[in-house]
Amino acid sequence: MALLQRFRRRNRDAAAPLYAAVVAKAREPHWYLDGGAPDTLDGRFDMVAAVLAMVMLRIEAEPPGDLAAATLSTDLTERFVDDMDAQVRQIGFGDIVVGKHVGRMMGMLGGRLGTYREGIAAGDLTDGLIRNLWRGEAPGESQARYVSDQLQALHAALATVPLSALREGRLA
């Protein structure tokens, strides 16, 4: 019976507080003012993806096979998909191309997750940020370092947050 429960559609609202906290964190002005993140549609997407990646890496740190972590990760990803779907529709894309755009965004999130995982392990996210956040056009060195340091600090802070608190939307 437990196996069937895993395939049953979960309540996407379960991760709503956490996803709202991710978006709020990504929209904090310091990323754009001190860090020089582009305050554009793409830049805001990239900041959401960066913060979301830090949260996903935190969830990934739970012991393998932890059903609560796997469920939260899936629910959070589904919230991201729902949000991106709504954003693409709000921009004016029709039903025929929405899936393609959302699929591309999911691929971008996956790529960023891998890049930031490697950057966290190396202790520097700068190269991945230049490639993803600034789309290859390096900002000032101090801005790239600022965003890298802030994301690494977020990652470190998240390591101390229990999974239950994350689910409630607490990032620190």
N, C-alpha and C. Protein backbone atom coordinates (compact mmCIF):
# COMPACT_ATOMS: atom_id res chain seq x y z
N MET A 1 0.82 -1.18 0.00
CA MET A 1 0.00 0.00 0.00
C MET A 1 0.87 1.25 0.00
N ALA A 2 1.98 1.24 0.73
CA ALA A 2 2.87 2.40 0.78
C ALA A 2 3.41 2.75 -0.61
N LEU A 3 3.67 1.73 -1.41
CA LEU A 3 4.15 1.97 -2.76
C LEU A 3 3.12 2.74 -3.58
N LEU A 4 1.85 2.36 -3.44
CA LEU A 4 0.79 3.06 -4.17
C LEU A 4 0.65 4.51 -3.70
N GLN A 5 0.89 4.76 -2.42
CA GLN A 5 0.80 6.12 -1.89
C GLN A 5 1.83 7.03 -2.54
N ARG A 6 3.01 6.49 -2.89
CA ARG A 6 4.06 7.29 -3.50
C ARG A 6 3.64 7.79 -4.88
N PHE A 7 2.77 7.04 -5.56
CA PHE A 7 2.35 7.42 -6.91
C PHE A 7 1.09 8.27 -6.91
N ARG A 8 0.44 8.34 -5.77
CA ARG A 8 -0.76 9.15 -5.68
C ARG A 8 -0.38 10.63 -5.71
N ARG A 9 -1.17 11.41 -6.36
CA ARG A 9 -0.89 12.84 -6.47
C ARG A 9 -0.89 13.48 -5.07
N ARG A 10 0.19 14.20 -4.81
CA ARG A 10 0.32 14.87 -3.53
C ARG A 10 -0.34 16.24 -3.58
N ASN A 11 -0.50 16.81 -2.43
CA ASN A 11 -1.05 18.14 -2.30
C ASN A 11 0.05 19.15 -2.63
N ARG A 12 -0.04 19.81 -3.78
CA ARG A 12 0.99 20.76 -4.19
C ARG A 12 1.08 21.95 -3.24
N ASP A 13 0.02 22.19 -2.49
CA ASP A 13 0.04 23.30 -1.55
C ASP A 13 0.92 23.02 -0.33
N ALA A 14 1.31 21.78 -0.14
CA ALA A 14 2.13 21.44 1.03
C ALA A 14 3.45 22.20 1.03
N ALA A 15 3.99 22.51 -0.13
CA ALA A 15 5.26 23.22 -0.22
C ALA A 15 5.08 24.72 -0.46
N ALA A 16 3.85 25.18 -0.41
CA ALA A 16 3.58 26.60 -0.69
C ALA A 16 4.34 27.55 0.25
N PRO A 17 4.36 27.32 1.56
CA PRO A 17 5.11 28.24 2.42
C PRO A 17 6.61 28.27 2.09
N LEU A 18 7.18 27.11 1.81
CA LEU A 18 8.59 27.05 1.47
C LEU A 18 8.86 27.75 0.14
N TYR A 19 8.03 27.49 -0.85
CA TYR A 19 8.24 28.13 -2.15
C TYR A 19 8.07 29.64 -2.04
N ALA A 20 7.10 30.10 -1.27
CA ALA A 20 6.91 31.54 -1.07
C ALA A 20 8.15 32.15 -0.41
N ALA A 21 8.75 31.45 0.53
CA ALA A 21 9.96 31.94 1.19
C ALA A 21 11.13 32.00 0.21
N VAL A 22 11.22 31.02 -0.67
CA VAL A 22 12.27 31.01 -1.69
C VAL A 22 12.13 32.23 -2.59
N VAL A 23 10.92 32.48 -3.08
CA VAL A 23 10.68 33.61 -3.97
C VAL A 23 10.95 34.93 -3.24
N ALA A 24 10.50 35.03 -2.00
CA ALA A 24 10.74 36.26 -1.23
C ALA A 24 12.24 36.49 -1.03
N LYS A 25 12.97 35.44 -0.73
CA LYS A 25 14.42 35.55 -0.56
C LYS A 25 15.08 35.99 -1.87
N ALA A 26 14.64 35.44 -2.97
CA ALA A 26 15.22 35.77 -4.28
C ALA A 26 14.89 37.19 -4.72
N ARG A 27 13.84 37.76 -4.17
CA ARG A 27 13.43 39.13 -4.54
C ARG A 27 13.98 40.19 -3.58
N GLU A 28 14.78 39.77 -2.59
CA GLU A 28 15.37 40.75 -1.69
C GLU A 28 16.23 41.72 -2.50
N PRO A 29 16.10 43.02 -2.23
CA PRO A 29 16.80 44.03 -3.03
C PRO A 29 18.32 43.90 -3.07
N HIS A 30 18.93 43.37 -2.03
CA HIS A 30 20.40 43.31 -1.99
C HIS A 30 20.99 42.52 -3.14
N TRP A 31 20.28 41.50 -3.63
CA TRP A 31 20.79 40.72 -4.77
C TRP A 31 20.98 41.62 -5.99
N TYR A 32 20.07 42.54 -6.16
CA TYR A 32 20.03 43.39 -7.34
C TYR A 32 20.84 44.67 -7.15
N LEU A 33 20.85 45.21 -5.94
CA LEU A 33 21.57 46.45 -5.66
C LEU A 33 23.06 46.19 -5.39
N ASP A 34 23.34 45.35 -4.40
CA ASP A 34 24.73 45.07 -4.03
C ASP A 34 25.38 44.02 -4.92
N GLY A 35 24.58 43.08 -5.37
CA GLY A 35 25.12 41.98 -6.17
C GLY A 35 25.03 42.20 -7.67
N GLY A 36 24.29 43.18 -8.09
CA GLY A 36 24.19 43.46 -9.52
C GLY A 36 23.44 42.42 -10.33
N ALA A 37 22.62 41.61 -9.64
CA ALA A 37 21.79 40.65 -10.39
C ALA A 37 20.86 41.47 -11.30
N PRO A 38 20.71 41.05 -12.54
CA PRO A 38 19.84 41.80 -13.45
C PRO A 38 18.40 41.81 -12.96
N ASP A 39 17.83 42.99 -12.81
CA ASP A 39 16.43 43.10 -12.39
C ASP A 39 15.56 43.07 -13.64
N THR A 40 15.58 41.90 -14.27
CA THR A 40 14.83 41.64 -15.48
C THR A 40 14.06 40.35 -15.28
N LEU A 41 13.24 39.99 -16.22
CA LEU A 41 12.51 38.73 -16.14
C LEU A 41 13.48 37.56 -16.00
N ASP A 42 14.51 37.54 -16.85
CA ASP A 42 15.51 36.47 -16.78
C ASP A 42 16.29 36.51 -15.48
N GLY A 43 16.68 37.71 -15.04
CA GLY A 43 17.45 37.84 -13.81
C GLY A 43 16.67 37.38 -12.60
N ARG A 44 15.38 37.72 -12.57
CA ARG A 44 14.55 37.29 -11.44
C ARG A 44 14.37 35.76 -11.45
N PHE A 45 14.17 35.19 -12.65
CA PHE A 45 14.11 33.73 -12.76
C PHE A 45 15.40 33.11 -12.23
N ASP A 46 16.53 33.67 -12.65
CA ASP A 46 17.82 33.11 -12.25
C ASP A 46 18.06 33.22 -10.75
N MET A 47 17.58 34.29 -10.11
CA MET A 47 17.73 34.41 -8.67
C MET A 47 16.82 33.42 -7.95
N VAL A 48 15.60 33.24 -8.45
CA VAL A 48 14.72 32.22 -7.86
C VAL A 48 15.38 30.85 -8.01
N ALA A 49 15.92 30.57 -9.19
CA ALA A 49 16.57 29.27 -9.43
C ALA A 49 17.77 29.09 -8.50
N ALA A 50 18.55 30.15 -8.26
CA ALA A 50 19.73 30.05 -7.40
C ALA A 50 19.33 29.77 -5.95
N VAL A 51 18.35 30.52 -5.45
CA VAL A 51 17.90 30.30 -4.07
C VAL A 51 17.24 28.93 -3.95
N LEU A 52 16.42 28.58 -4.93
CA LEU A 52 15.77 27.27 -4.92
C LEU A 52 16.82 26.16 -4.94
N ALA A 53 17.88 26.34 -5.70
CA ALA A 53 18.94 25.33 -5.73
C ALA A 53 19.57 25.15 -4.35
N MET A 54 19.78 26.26 -3.63
CA MET A 54 20.35 26.15 -2.27
C MET A 54 19.41 25.35 -1.37
N VAL A 55 18.12 25.59 -1.49
CA VAL A 55 17.14 24.85 -0.68
C VAL A 55 17.11 23.38 -1.09
N MET A 56 17.14 23.13 -2.39
CA MET A 56 17.12 21.74 -2.87
C MET A 56 18.38 21.00 -2.40
N LEU A 57 19.52 21.69 -2.41
CA LEU A 57 20.74 21.05 -1.92
C LEU A 57 20.63 20.73 -0.43
N ARG A 58 19.95 21.62 0.32
CA ARG A 58 19.73 21.34 1.74
C ARG A 58 18.87 20.09 1.93
N ILE A 59 17.81 19.99 1.15
CA ILE A 59 16.91 18.83 1.25
C ILE A 59 17.67 17.56 0.83
N GLU A 60 18.50 17.70 -0.18
CA GLU A 60 19.32 16.57 -0.67
C GLU A 60 20.25 16.03 0.41
N ALA A 61 20.61 16.86 1.37
CA ALA A 61 21.54 16.46 2.43
C ALA A 61 20.92 15.50 3.44
N GLU A 62 19.59 15.33 3.40
CA GLU A 62 18.94 14.38 4.29
C GLU A 62 19.40 12.96 3.93
N PRO A 63 19.32 12.04 4.87
CA PRO A 63 19.76 10.66 4.59
C PRO A 63 19.03 10.06 3.38
N PRO A 64 19.74 9.30 2.58
CA PRO A 64 19.09 8.64 1.44
C PRO A 64 17.91 7.80 1.90
N GLY A 65 16.84 7.86 1.15
CA GLY A 65 15.66 7.08 1.48
C GLY A 65 14.71 7.79 2.43
N ASP A 66 15.04 9.00 2.86
CA ASP A 66 14.16 9.77 3.75
C ASP A 66 12.93 10.18 2.96
N LEU A 67 11.81 9.56 3.27
CA LEU A 67 10.57 9.80 2.52
C LEU A 67 10.07 11.24 2.68
N ALA A 68 10.22 11.81 3.86
CA ALA A 68 9.78 13.20 4.08
C ALA A 68 10.58 14.16 3.20
N ALA A 69 11.88 13.94 3.09
CA ALA A 69 12.73 14.80 2.25
C ALA A 69 12.37 14.62 0.78
N ALA A 70 12.18 13.39 0.35
CA ALA A 70 11.83 13.13 -1.04
C ALA A 70 10.49 13.77 -1.40
N THR A 71 9.54 13.67 -0.48
CA THR A 71 8.22 14.26 -0.70
C THR A 71 8.32 15.78 -0.78
N LEU A 72 9.07 16.38 0.14
CA LEU A 72 9.23 17.83 0.14
C LEU A 72 9.91 18.29 -1.15
N SER A 73 10.93 17.58 -1.57
CA SER A 73 11.63 17.93 -2.80
C SER A 73 10.69 17.88 -4.00
N THR A 74 9.90 16.84 -4.08
CA THR A 74 8.94 16.69 -5.18
C THR A 74 7.88 17.79 -5.12
N ASP A 75 7.33 18.03 -3.94
CA ASP A 75 6.30 19.06 -3.79
C ASP A 75 6.85 20.44 -4.14
N LEU A 76 8.07 20.72 -3.74
CA LEU A 76 8.70 22.01 -4.03
C LEU A 76 8.93 22.16 -5.53
N THR A 77 9.38 21.11 -6.17
CA THR A 77 9.58 21.14 -7.62
C THR A 77 8.26 21.36 -8.34
N GLU A 78 7.20 20.72 -7.87
CA GLU A 78 5.88 20.90 -8.49
C GLU A 78 5.38 22.33 -8.31
N ARG A 79 5.67 22.94 -7.17
CA ARG A 79 5.30 24.35 -6.97
C ARG A 79 6.05 25.24 -7.96
N PHE A 80 7.31 24.95 -8.16
CA PHE A 80 8.11 25.70 -9.12
C PHE A 80 7.50 25.58 -10.52
N VAL A 81 7.14 24.36 -10.91
CA VAL A 81 6.52 24.14 -12.22
C VAL A 81 5.21 24.91 -12.33
N ASP A 82 4.38 24.83 -11.30
CA ASP A 82 3.10 25.57 -11.32
C ASP A 82 3.34 27.07 -11.47
N ASP A 83 4.33 27.59 -10.73
CA ASP A 83 4.62 29.02 -10.80
C ASP A 83 5.13 29.40 -12.19
N MET A 84 6.05 28.62 -12.73
CA MET A 84 6.58 28.93 -14.05
C MET A 84 5.49 28.84 -15.11
N ASP A 85 4.61 27.87 -14.99
CA ASP A 85 3.49 27.74 -15.92
C ASP A 85 2.64 29.01 -15.88
N ALA A 86 2.32 29.47 -14.67
CA ALA A 86 1.51 30.68 -14.52
C ALA A 86 2.23 31.91 -15.06
N GLN A 87 3.54 32.00 -14.82
CA GLN A 87 4.31 33.14 -15.30
C GLN A 87 4.36 33.18 -16.82
N VAL A 88 4.58 32.04 -17.44
CA VAL A 88 4.64 31.97 -18.90
C VAL A 88 3.28 32.34 -19.50
N ARG A 89 2.22 31.87 -18.89
CA ARG A 89 0.88 32.22 -19.37
C ARG A 89 0.61 33.72 -19.19
N GLN A 90 1.07 34.28 -18.07
CA GLN A 90 0.84 35.70 -17.80
C GLN A 90 1.58 36.57 -18.83
N ILE A 91 2.74 36.11 -19.27
CA ILE A 91 3.49 36.84 -20.29
C ILE A 91 2.71 36.86 -21.60
N GLY A 92 1.88 35.84 -21.80
CA GLY A 92 1.05 35.82 -23.00
C GLY A 92 1.25 34.64 -23.92
N PHE A 93 2.04 33.67 -23.49
CA PHE A 93 2.22 32.48 -24.31
C PHE A 93 0.96 31.63 -24.27
N GLY A 94 0.63 31.02 -25.38
CA GLY A 94 -0.56 30.18 -25.46
C GLY A 94 -0.29 28.76 -25.01
N ASP A 95 -1.37 28.01 -24.87
CA ASP A 95 -1.30 26.63 -24.39
C ASP A 95 -0.33 25.76 -25.18
N ILE A 96 -0.21 26.00 -26.45
CA ILE A 96 0.59 25.13 -27.31
C ILE A 96 2.08 25.19 -26.94
N VAL A 97 2.57 26.35 -26.53
CA VAL A 97 4.00 26.49 -26.25
C VAL A 97 4.35 26.54 -24.77
N VAL A 98 3.36 26.62 -23.90
CA VAL A 98 3.63 26.73 -22.46
C VAL A 98 4.46 25.55 -21.98
N GLY A 99 4.05 24.36 -22.33
CA GLY A 99 4.77 23.15 -21.87
C GLY A 99 6.22 23.16 -22.31
N LYS A 100 6.48 23.59 -23.52
CA LYS A 100 7.84 23.65 -24.03
C LYS A 100 8.69 24.62 -23.20
N HIS A 101 8.14 25.79 -22.92
CA HIS A 101 8.87 26.78 -22.14
C HIS A 101 9.10 26.32 -20.70
N VAL A 102 8.08 25.75 -20.10
CA VAL A 102 8.24 25.27 -18.72
C VAL A 102 9.25 24.12 -18.68
N GLY A 103 9.20 23.24 -19.67
CA GLY A 103 10.18 22.16 -19.75
C GLY A 103 11.60 22.68 -19.86
N ARG A 104 11.76 23.74 -20.64
CA ARG A 104 13.09 24.36 -20.78
C ARG A 104 13.53 24.96 -19.44
N MET A 105 12.60 25.58 -18.72
CA MET A 105 12.92 26.15 -17.42
C MET A 105 13.31 25.07 -16.42
N MET A 106 12.64 23.93 -16.48
CA MET A 106 13.01 22.81 -15.60
C MET A 106 14.42 22.33 -15.92
N GLY A 107 14.73 22.26 -17.21
CA GLY A 107 16.08 21.87 -17.60
C GLY A 107 17.12 22.87 -17.10
N MET A 108 16.77 24.15 -17.17
CA MET A 108 17.67 25.19 -16.67
C MET A 108 17.87 25.05 -15.17
N LEU A 109 16.79 24.77 -14.44
CA LEU A 109 16.91 24.58 -12.99
C LEU A 109 17.81 23.39 -12.70
N GLY A 110 17.63 22.30 -13.42
CA GLY A 110 18.46 21.11 -13.21
C GLY A 110 19.93 21.40 -13.47
N GLY A 111 20.21 22.14 -14.54
CA GLY A 111 21.59 22.50 -14.85
C GLY A 111 22.20 23.38 -13.78
N ARG A 112 21.42 24.33 -13.30
CA ARG A 112 21.91 25.22 -12.25
C ARG A 112 22.13 24.45 -10.95
N LEU A 113 21.26 23.52 -10.65
CA LEU A 113 21.42 22.72 -9.44
C LEU A 113 22.76 21.97 -9.49
N GLY A 114 23.07 21.37 -10.62
CA GLY A 114 24.35 20.67 -10.76
C GLY A 114 25.55 21.61 -10.66
N THR A 115 25.44 22.75 -11.32
CA THR A 115 26.52 23.73 -11.30
C THR A 115 26.75 24.27 -9.90
N TYR A 116 25.66 24.60 -9.21
CA TYR A 116 25.80 25.16 -7.86
C TYR A 116 26.23 24.09 -6.87
N ARG A 117 25.85 22.85 -7.08
CA ARG A 117 26.31 21.75 -6.22
C ARG A 117 27.84 21.67 -6.30
N GLU A 118 28.37 21.73 -7.52
CA GLU A 118 29.82 21.69 -7.72
C GLU A 118 30.49 22.93 -7.12
N GLY A 119 29.86 24.10 -7.30
CA GLY A 119 30.42 25.34 -6.76
C GLY A 119 30.47 25.34 -5.24
N ILE A 120 29.42 24.83 -4.62
CA ILE A 120 29.40 24.74 -3.15
C ILE A 120 30.53 23.82 -2.69
N ALA A 121 30.71 22.70 -3.36
CA ALA A 121 31.78 21.76 -2.99
C ALA A 121 33.16 22.40 -3.15
N ALA A 122 33.31 23.26 -4.17
CA ALA A 122 34.58 23.93 -4.42
C ALA A 122 34.75 25.20 -3.58
N GLY A 123 33.67 25.68 -2.95
CA GLY A 123 33.74 26.88 -2.15
C GLY A 123 33.66 28.17 -2.95
N ASP A 124 33.19 28.10 -4.20
CA ASP A 124 33.08 29.30 -5.03
C ASP A 124 32.03 29.07 -6.11
N LEU A 125 31.03 29.93 -6.12
CA LEU A 125 29.95 29.83 -7.10
C LEU A 125 30.12 30.80 -8.27
N THR A 126 31.20 31.57 -8.26
CA THR A 126 31.35 32.68 -9.21
C THR A 126 31.22 32.25 -10.66
N ASP A 127 31.94 31.22 -11.09
CA ASP A 127 31.89 30.80 -12.49
C ASP A 127 30.48 30.41 -12.91
N GLY A 128 29.81 29.63 -12.08
CA GLY A 128 28.44 29.22 -12.38
C GLY A 128 27.49 30.39 -12.40
N LEU A 129 27.70 31.35 -11.52
CA LEU A 129 26.84 32.54 -11.50
C LEU A 129 27.04 33.39 -12.74
N ILE A 130 28.29 33.56 -13.15
CA ILE A 130 28.56 34.35 -14.35
C ILE A 130 27.87 33.69 -15.55
N ARG A 131 27.96 32.39 -15.64
CA ARG A 131 27.35 31.65 -16.76
C ARG A 131 25.82 31.69 -16.69
N ASN A 132 25.25 31.60 -15.50
CA ASN A 132 23.80 31.46 -15.38
C ASN A 132 23.07 32.76 -15.03
N LEU A 133 23.53 33.45 -14.01
CA LEU A 133 22.84 34.66 -13.58
C LEU A 133 23.10 35.83 -14.53
N TRP A 134 24.36 35.95 -14.92
CA TRP A 134 24.71 37.07 -15.80
C TRP A 134 24.84 36.64 -17.25
N ARG A 135 24.45 35.40 -17.54
CA ARG A 135 24.41 34.87 -18.91
C ARG A 135 25.72 35.09 -19.68
N GLY A 136 26.84 34.88 -18.96
CA GLY A 136 28.15 34.93 -19.59
C GLY A 136 28.81 36.29 -19.57
N GLU A 137 28.10 37.33 -19.21
CA GLU A 137 28.68 38.68 -19.15
C GLU A 137 29.01 39.00 -17.70
N ALA A 138 30.28 38.84 -17.35
CA ALA A 138 30.71 39.00 -15.97
C ALA A 138 30.44 40.42 -15.47
N PRO A 139 29.85 40.52 -14.28
CA PRO A 139 29.68 41.84 -13.66
C PRO A 139 31.02 42.23 -13.03
N GLY A 140 31.01 43.26 -12.24
CA GLY A 140 32.22 43.58 -11.50
C GLY A 140 32.59 42.43 -10.58
N GLU A 141 33.87 42.28 -10.33
CA GLU A 141 34.33 41.17 -9.49
C GLU A 141 33.69 41.21 -8.11
N SER A 142 33.51 42.41 -7.56
CA SER A 142 32.92 42.51 -6.22
C SER A 142 31.46 42.05 -6.23
N GLN A 143 30.75 42.30 -7.32
CA GLN A 143 29.35 41.87 -7.39
C GLN A 143 29.24 40.35 -7.48
N ALA A 144 30.07 39.75 -8.32
CA ALA A 144 30.05 38.29 -8.44
C ALA A 144 30.44 37.64 -7.12
N ARG A 145 31.43 38.20 -6.46
CA ARG A 145 31.86 37.66 -5.17
C ARG A 145 30.75 37.82 -4.13
N TYR A 146 30.07 38.97 -4.15
CA TYR A 146 28.98 39.23 -3.21
C TYR A 146 27.89 38.17 -3.34
N VAL A 147 27.42 37.93 -4.56
CA VAL A 147 26.33 36.96 -4.75
C VAL A 147 26.81 35.56 -4.38
N SER A 148 28.03 35.22 -4.78
CA SER A 148 28.58 33.91 -4.41
C SER A 148 28.64 33.75 -2.90
N ASP A 149 29.17 34.75 -2.22
CA ASP A 149 29.28 34.67 -0.75
C ASP A 149 27.92 34.59 -0.09
N GLN A 150 26.96 35.38 -0.57
CA GLN A 150 25.62 35.38 0.03
C GLN A 150 24.92 34.03 -0.18
N LEU A 151 25.06 33.45 -1.36
CA LEU A 151 24.43 32.14 -1.60
C LEU A 151 25.10 31.06 -0.77
N GLN A 152 26.42 31.13 -0.62
CA GLN A 152 27.10 30.15 0.22
C GLN A 152 26.71 30.32 1.68
N ALA A 153 26.51 31.55 2.12
CA ALA A 153 26.05 31.79 3.49
C ALA A 153 24.64 31.25 3.68
N LEU A 154 23.80 31.43 2.68
CA LEU A 154 22.45 30.87 2.73
C LEU A 154 22.52 29.35 2.82
N HIS A 155 23.36 28.75 2.00
CA HIS A 155 23.52 27.29 2.02
C HIS A 155 23.96 26.82 3.40
N ALA A 156 24.91 27.52 4.01
CA ALA A 156 25.40 27.15 5.34
C ALA A 156 24.30 27.32 6.38
N ALA A 157 23.54 28.40 6.29
CA ALA A 157 22.45 28.63 7.25
C ALA A 157 21.37 27.57 7.11
N LEU A 158 21.06 27.19 5.89
CA LEU A 158 20.03 26.18 5.65
C LEU A 158 20.41 24.83 6.25
N ALA A 159 21.70 24.55 6.35
CA ALA A 159 22.15 23.28 6.91
C ALA A 159 21.70 23.09 8.36
N THR A 160 21.41 24.19 9.04
CA THR A 160 21.01 24.11 10.45
C THR A 160 19.49 24.10 10.62
N VAL A 161 18.76 24.25 9.54
CA VAL A 161 17.30 24.33 9.62
C VAL A 161 16.70 22.93 9.49
N PRO A 162 15.93 22.50 10.46
CA PRO A 162 15.28 21.18 10.36
C PRO A 162 14.31 21.14 9.17
N LEU A 163 14.12 19.96 8.65
CA LEU A 163 13.23 19.77 7.51
C LEU A 163 11.82 20.27 7.82
N SER A 164 11.35 20.04 9.03
CA SER A 164 10.01 20.48 9.40
C SER A 164 9.89 22.01 9.36
N ALA A 165 10.94 22.71 9.75
CA ALA A 165 10.94 24.17 9.69
C ALA A 165 11.00 24.66 8.25
N LEU A 166 11.75 23.97 7.42
CA LEU A 166 11.79 24.30 6.00
C LEU A 166 10.39 24.22 5.39
N ARG A 167 9.72 23.14 5.69
CA ARG A 167 8.38 22.92 5.16
C ARG A 167 7.45 24.09 5.52
N GLU A 168 7.69 24.69 6.68
CA GLU A 168 6.88 25.83 7.14
C GLU A 168 7.32 27.14 6.50
N GLY A 169 8.40 27.11 5.71
CA GLY A 169 8.88 28.30 5.04
C GLY A 169 9.96 29.07 5.78
N ARG A 170 10.54 28.45 6.78
CA ARG A 170 11.62 29.11 7.52
C ARG A 170 12.96 28.74 6.88
N LEU A 171 13.68 29.74 6.42
CA LEU A 171 14.95 29.50 5.76
C LEU A 171 16.15 29.72 6.68
N ALA A 172 15.88 30.21 7.89
CA ALA A 172 17.00 30.39 8.83
C ALA A 172 16.50 30.24 10.25
